[in-house]
Every structure is written in C-alpha cells, then in structure tokens.
Amino acid sequence: MQKHLFTLGFAALLAACNTGSSTNTGHTGADTSQNAAFREYEAHYLAALWKTYPEWATAVGFHEHDTVLVVPDSAAMEAELAFLQQQQDSLQSYDTSKLGVSLLTDYYLIRNQLEGRKWDLEKAKTYEWAPTSYNVIGTFASMLNENYAPLDERLRSFHARMANIPAFYAAAKKLIKDPVPELTSLAQDQHLGGLSIFEKDLADSLSKSGLSTAEKKALLDRAKTAAGAIRDFAAWLKALKVEHPRSFRLGGDLYESKFKYDIQSAYTAAQIYDSAIARKNWIHTEMARISKQLWPKYFGSTPVPDDQLVLIKRMIDTLSIQHVKPAEFQQAIEQQLPTLSAFIKEKNLLYMDPSKPLKVRKEPGYMAGVAGASISAPGPYDKEGNTYYNVGSLEGWTPERAESYLREYNHYILQILNIHEAIPGHYTQLVYANQSPSLIKSILGNGAMIEGWAVYTEQMMLENGYGNNEPEMWLMWYKWNLRAVCNTILDYSVHVNNMSKEDAIKLLTQEAFQQQAEAAGKWKRVSVTSVQLTSYYTGYKEIIDLRTAYKEKMGDKYNLKAFNEQFLSYGSTPVKYIRQLMLN
C-alpha cells in the first residue's frame, strides 16, 4: 500500500521507528503516576508534532493547521531538529520500568520516530537526492475531496495554504543536490499529473461553494500562480544538468539502518533476505506438486516437463489467459468486493464494520508511477472520512502491454489482489487501526505490520475455503505469495548486492513467474523506493509465526476470529510488539 504524503521527508517520518530495546513483559499496565504522566506527555508530543508537520496533520485528519505550508528552508530544518532534540530530551525523563506494556510500546514508537527522522536528516539526507520528497499536491487534493468540514471552510484553508507554494518550490531547488535520475523523472510525472487539482478540480469545487465572487477570483488567481510554480519545478527538474547523479541503490550500511527504522522487525535485513530465499525454494516445490496434479486436466497425456520451473510456468501461463477485458478491470474489482465480505461473515473470520464504506476509484494522477492498486484511508482524527481503493488505469496502453498486465491480474490473482488491498486486507486493517485507543499506534503506523496483515489474510481466506480449495487457486496464491517473497529478494539484491536490471527481470519472470509488464513495473518501483518492498514478506512471516505461537498457548481455547480481532486491536503496531502483548 502506497501512502502519498507530501511534506519534507514525510515518508521517512511515517515509518521511522527503531527496533528499540525489548519491552519488559512483566509490567501490569496499572495506571501508576508514571503512566498518567506519560499519557499527558503524549498529548503534548502530538500537539508539537502537528505544529512541526502540518501537512502530516492534514493527512491523518487533524485540521487545526490546514492553512500552513512549511517552506523547507534552513530555518525550517533548524526548527525541526530543535523539535526532535526537545522530544528526545523529554523522553529521557521517564522511567520505562514503571510504564505499562501498552504505553511502553508507545514510548518506543515515539522514540524511534524521532531517531529515524533525525537519521534521515543527518545521515541518509534524502531531502538532497529525492525530488519526490517535495510534492505538495496530495495534501491539497485531500482538502478538496474529503468532507471533514464545510466546503467553504476547506476552500478558505486551501487558499491560505497555497500562498507558500512558490516559496516551497524555490526552497526545494536550493536543497536538491545530485538527485537520483529515476526519482527526478518520477517527480516530474507526479507533479504534472497532479496539476488538475489546481487547474480543474478547484474550479469544480468553487462552482458548488457559497464563496463570494471576490473570494472565488482570489482563489483562482492564487491557484494559477501555484500551478505555475509546480509546472516550473517540473521543468526545472527536466532541465537539471547533474554531473555526478546519486545512484538509486541505497548501499549496505544505509539499507540496514533504514530497514531497522522502517520495518522494525525482530530480524535484520540480511536475516530476512536469507529467510526469503528459503521460502522461495519451498514454494517452488509446492507449486511443482500442484502443477503435476493439474497437468492431466489441462494437457492430457502430454509428457510432464522434467524442469520444475518449466512445468510451473506452463501451468501458470495456461491459467492466466482467463482474465477480464481492459475496459472492465475496475468494474470487476467493484463486483468482487461484496463476495469477499459475504465469505468473511459466513465463516465468522472477523467483524466487518458496515458503516465504513469502501469507494473504488481511478488512481489520481499525482499518485501514479509506483503501484497499480492501493488504499487511501482516513486518518485517526478523521474516522468518518472516505476510504478509497485506487485502481491504476489501462487507458492508452498498447494491446500487448494491456494483455501482459491482465494475464498477471488474471481471474484468480484479481481475487487475491482484492483480498490483499481491500477485504479483509488493507481496508479492513486500517478501519480497525482508526479504532485503536492509542493515537500513537495509529499515527506511527508500521508498514510491515500493515503489509504483512494483507499478505496473511490471503492465506487465511484460502485456508478457510475461499476458492473452494481448487488447486488452481492455491497454485495462483503461491505465485502471488512468491511475489512478496521475491520483493524482498529483489530489493535487497538490488540495493545491497547491486543486482542488474537484466538479472532482476530474470528473477521476476523465470523464478517468480511474473509477466513482462509486471516485472518491468517492479524494476521501476525498486529504482524509486527502497526497503518498503521487504515489508510484505517480513510482516507476513512474523504474523504467521505469532499465530502459531498463540495457537499453542491457547490450546483448545484457540479461536481464529478472536486471534484476528485481538491482533488488529493494537493498531498498526510492529508485529514484534504485538507478539509480546498477545503472548504475555
């Protein structure tokens, strides 16, 4: 799942939580004076956090600073570093041995958010080489599209926030040094793709508003200036001459540090990589077994290939021709969602809140270029906001490219995609996360837990009979699970071991059985992101391990629905912390 959050270094902020020390599982969580004091500190921390990062505040549904756009100049960086140091000093005043387990988890999340952001500013310095860090458009889009306040009020905030857009991009130009070419190109595409927010969508909203003629004119005039600054930034990036551009490859040291902060696993990046290699080999064995079982049904008496990878690919290619037409892709997704909800209710797998609708929409232009499907959920302060299932458009694609893409998202895989992205995957998990009593756990969401849950639910649904236990569905799920596994192998191999594009495509097409279009898209993704691709397998592995341990602990009292709901009740917390909370 991609979260498109547009403030300086915001992506690093969202997941910047260190592994920390192990929690003291002997704590009772009683409301001692230390616990009460820490709860009060959390409120002060959040107030300071939103003042420092107003764009982040808007993204999570806290709208007191909607009129503010921070210009990323030297003064803003000094203020941010001062905030980080002040909060770190405040944390040191608490005796963690006297905090309840749940609050201790909050403590580690806050501490590691601070450490992670400081690491990004002082060590990784992504603000210098990642032009994608400077996209403001998503925040403005949410202000137009979300009904958290009357339209006129949102438009006035929109107007005030636009004032700093020219200064924002002027400051960005001064900070960018030796940028990564792939990120430079992506930033151009995303900025040009999002211009409609200021050039069309705003006008549409104004036509429905009660603003005066003078206010409307002022908004449109400022929007024209803002759009000009955005277009100018894209043109500046295109014309930028860089003698020594930074490689998109992160390198071993930065990669391990970023993995520690972003993934927050009990394992290191190298350990997860080794585990993924072993998992890939096991999956190949299972897929070969199922392919042999299905062979007579589809190939009759034709001899079975000796090479198991050839065997598996032949079977997958045969099944993949069953897919929807390009123009029906989004419609097919919409039609499948009620079926998934009905199955969960029938099998009593977990409670689904019927008051939280999911809206399927074409992926907005400012989000394009990273993932073909994603969920945009409201933040914990805006629980009544819309949740969107963003679907990439195939419009304008060549027939060959569209066919390759649709074979990848064939009849079977499309259902698994919807489980992962929507029900009971990301959409369901994020609804639960917004209900968590801990704002910290909801706000400092851990990507590995979020992605791991989505991967876990695919397996859980099939284990409980989704797809009628057809071997075809299981074969395709193994192929899909292999995607999560090979995401980890690919990301680590490219960023740490310097894997070439040729070898990456070979891994994805020959060992993960992906279509050429999907493999090409994944190469683009690994060249504009780092570490995030490991979150799927890491989170999945840790959740499966936790469920096994929990089942052993509960014995005859084990209940899958109870496990799922208790797991989700802790918000988007790193799985290693949830494990301690559930097992102790």
Foldseek 3Di string as FASTA:
>chain_A
DDDQFAAFVVVLLLQQFFLDDDADLVFPQPCDPLQVVLVVVVVVLVVVVCVLPVSLCLQQQNCPCLLADDAPAPVSVVVLLVSLVVSLVVLVVGDSVHHGLLSNLLSRLSNRSSVRVVCCVPPVVVLAAALSNHDSLVSLVCLLPKPLDDLVVSLVSSLSHLPCLLSNLVRSVVRHALYALLNLVLLLQLLVLRLCSLVPSLVVSVVVDPDDPVSSVSSNVSSVVNNVSSNVSSVCSVPDDHPHHDALFRADPSQQSSLRRQASFPDTLVVLLVVLVVLLVVLLVVLLVLLVVCCCVPPNPPDQDPDSLVSSLVVLLVQLQAFDDQVCLQVVLVVCVVVLVVLCVVLVQADDDPLQDEAEDEARSSPPQADQWAWRAHHLNRLNIHIYIYGYHCPPPDPVLSSQVRSQCHPQNVNLVSLLHPVPAQVVLLNLQSVAPDSSLRSSFRLLQRLLRSLQRSVVSVVSQVVNVDSVNVSSNSLVVSQLSVLSNLQCCCNHVVDDLVVQLCCCCRSSVGGSSVSVSSVSNSSNDHSSSNSNSSNNVLVVVLLVVLCVVCPPNDDSHVVVSLLSNSHNRNSSSSSSVRPD
